[in-house]
Protein backbone atom coordinates (compact mmCIF):
# COMPACT_ATOMS: atom_id res chain seq x y z
CA MET A 1 11.43 144.60 148.39
CA THR A 2 10.12 142.85 145.29
CA ILE A 3 11.69 142.37 141.88
CA HIS A 4 9.36 142.75 138.93
CA LYS A 5 9.62 140.94 135.59
CA CYS A 6 10.92 144.03 133.90
CA GLY A 7 14.01 144.12 136.14
CA PHE A 8 12.99 146.92 138.52
CA LYS A 9 13.10 146.70 142.31
CA SER A 10 10.35 148.25 144.26
CA SER A 11 10.41 149.02 147.92
CA SER A 12 8.01 150.58 150.31
CA ASN A 13 8.89 154.01 149.03
CA THR A 14 8.18 155.10 145.50
CA PHE A 15 11.82 155.20 144.49
CA ARG A 16 12.70 152.45 141.99
CA THR A 17 16.16 151.42 140.99
CA ARG A 18 16.99 149.33 138.00
CA THR A 19 18.91 146.12 138.52
CA SER A 20 21.31 144.67 136.02
CA VAL A 21 19.51 143.86 132.83
CA PRO A 22 20.02 140.30 131.63
CA GLU A 23 21.47 140.20 128.16
CA PRO A 24 19.23 138.74 125.53
CA GLU A 25 20.09 135.19 124.63
CA LEU A 26 21.35 134.78 121.12
CA ALA A 27 19.39 132.20 119.23
CA ILE A 28 21.66 129.60 117.73
CA SER A 29 20.28 128.63 114.39
CA GLN A 30 19.81 124.92 113.92
CA PRO A 31 20.49 123.41 110.51
CA SER A 32 17.34 122.69 108.61
CA LEU A 33 16.63 119.56 106.62
CA THR A 34 14.16 121.32 104.34
CA ARG A 35 15.22 123.34 101.32
CA GLN A 36 14.75 127.04 101.75
CA PRO A 37 13.59 128.92 98.67
CA SER A 38 16.47 130.74 97.06
CA ALA A 39 16.33 134.44 96.43
CA ILE A 40 17.45 134.19 92.82
CA THR A 41 16.41 131.21 90.77
CA GLU A 42 16.32 130.73 87.06
CA GLY A 43 13.02 131.61 85.49
CA ALA A 44 11.86 133.43 88.61
CA ALA A 45 12.49 136.84 87.09
CA ASP A 46 10.09 136.35 84.20
CA GLY A 47 7.38 134.78 86.38
CA SER A 48 6.76 131.84 84.07
CA LYS A 49 5.53 128.61 85.53
CA PRO A 50 8.09 125.82 85.77
CA ARG A 51 7.95 122.87 83.37
CA ASP A 52 7.25 119.38 84.65
CA TYR A 53 8.65 117.50 81.60
CA LEU A 54 5.83 114.93 81.71
CA ILE A 55 6.02 114.15 77.97
CA LEU A 56 9.77 113.56 78.18
CA ALA A 57 9.30 111.32 81.23
CA ILE A 58 6.61 109.30 79.42
CA LEU A 59 8.88 108.92 76.38
CA SER A 60 11.70 107.72 78.62
CA CYS A 61 9.45 104.91 79.85
CA PHE A 62 9.85 103.22 76.44
CA CYS A 63 13.58 102.82 77.06
CA PRO A 64 14.92 99.72 78.82
CA LEU A 65 16.41 101.57 81.81
CA VAL A 66 13.43 100.74 83.99
CA PRO A 67 14.20 102.03 87.50
CA ILE A 68 15.45 105.40 86.31
CA ASN A 69 12.58 106.18 83.94
CA ILE A 70 9.95 105.31 86.55
CA VAL A 71 11.63 107.64 89.05
CA ALA A 72 11.70 110.35 86.37
CA LEU A 73 7.97 109.87 85.80
CA THR A 74 7.36 110.07 89.55
CA PHE A 75 9.36 113.31 89.84
CA SER A 76 7.42 114.76 86.93
CA VAL A 77 4.06 114.01 88.54
CA MET A 78 5.33 115.35 91.88
CA SER A 79 6.42 118.54 90.10
CA ARG A 80 2.96 118.98 88.65
CA ASN A 81 1.36 118.43 92.07
CA SER A 82 3.73 120.91 93.73
CA LEU A 83 2.84 123.56 91.18
CA GLN A 84 -0.87 122.98 91.78
CA GLN A 85 -0.29 123.46 95.51
CA GLY A 86 1.53 126.73 94.85
CA ASN A 87 5.07 125.58 95.63
CA VAL A 88 6.86 127.07 92.61
CA ASP A 89 10.42 126.45 93.85
CA GLY A 90 9.65 122.84 94.67
CA ALA A 91 7.97 122.34 91.30
CA ARG A 92 11.00 123.83 89.53
CA ARG A 93 13.42 121.59 91.46
CA LEU A 94 11.36 118.43 90.90
CA GLY A 95 10.88 119.28 87.22
CA ARG A 96 14.62 119.72 86.77
CA ASN A 97 15.22 116.33 88.43
CA ALA A 98 12.61 114.74 86.16
CA MET A 99 14.30 116.22 83.08
CA VAL A 100 17.77 115.00 84.10
CA LEU A 101 16.55 111.50 84.93
CA SER A 102 14.54 111.30 81.69
CA ILE A 103 17.58 112.27 79.63
CA VAL A 104 19.72 109.72 81.50
CA ALA A 105 17.08 107.03 80.89
CA ILE A 106 16.82 107.85 77.18
CA LEU A 107 20.60 107.95 76.64
CA GLY A 108 21.09 104.79 78.70
CA GLY A 109 18.32 103.06 76.78
CA ILE A 110 19.89 104.03 73.48
CA ALA A 111 23.24 102.67 74.70
CA ILE A 112 21.65 99.37 75.77
CA ILE A 113 19.75 98.96 72.50
CA ASP A 114 22.85 99.84 70.51
CA SER A 115 25.03 97.37 72.40
CA CYS A 116 22.42 94.63 71.92
CA ALA A 117 22.23 95.38 68.20
CA VAL A 118 26.01 95.31 67.84
CA HIS A 119 26.20 92.08 69.83
CA SER A 120 23.56 90.36 67.74
CA GLU A 121 25.23 91.59 64.54
CA LEU A 122 28.54 90.16 65.73
CA CYS A 123 26.85 86.87 66.59
CA ILE A 124 25.40 86.61 63.09
CA HIS A 125 28.75 87.33 61.37
CA PHE A 126 30.85 85.18 63.70
CA SER A 127 28.27 82.50 64.48
CA PRO A 128 30.71 79.61 65.04
CA LEU A 129 32.56 81.66 67.67
CA CYS A 130 29.46 82.98 69.48
CA LYS A 131 28.15 80.85 72.32
CA CYS A 132 25.02 82.93 72.87
CA ARG A 133 23.27 82.33 69.54
CA PRO A 134 19.72 81.02 69.69
CA THR A 135 19.07 77.35 69.02
CA PHE A 136 16.79 77.99 66.03
CA LEU A 137 19.83 79.25 64.08
CA LEU A 138 21.59 75.89 64.48
CA LEU A 139 20.22 74.39 61.25
């Protein structure tokens, strides 16, 4: 008597009986480290191409928040490359990150410039009390 792959026994006679059928194994889904494209994303309904915010990222490079504006520029270029490769969801996600980082760099740069301007204005008005004034003002 032989047992075939399909679960049937065969003997010398032509009568075949079915053995117990093994239950199919349920596949346990493993968590994935990659982002899966979402079914509903903003801008996906109208079919427009996502923005990469390259101009905004370049403008943020003139602000003194150097690590953040360079990362924003990198995300912007990566968004453009993803769109050229056909990855619309990835381009939209990277473009959104570039926009957020560019805005943070611009607002942070404005805050730094403003605080420096206020500090230098205070040093000019209260020069005897300020210890950080430049030496050329000590005339």
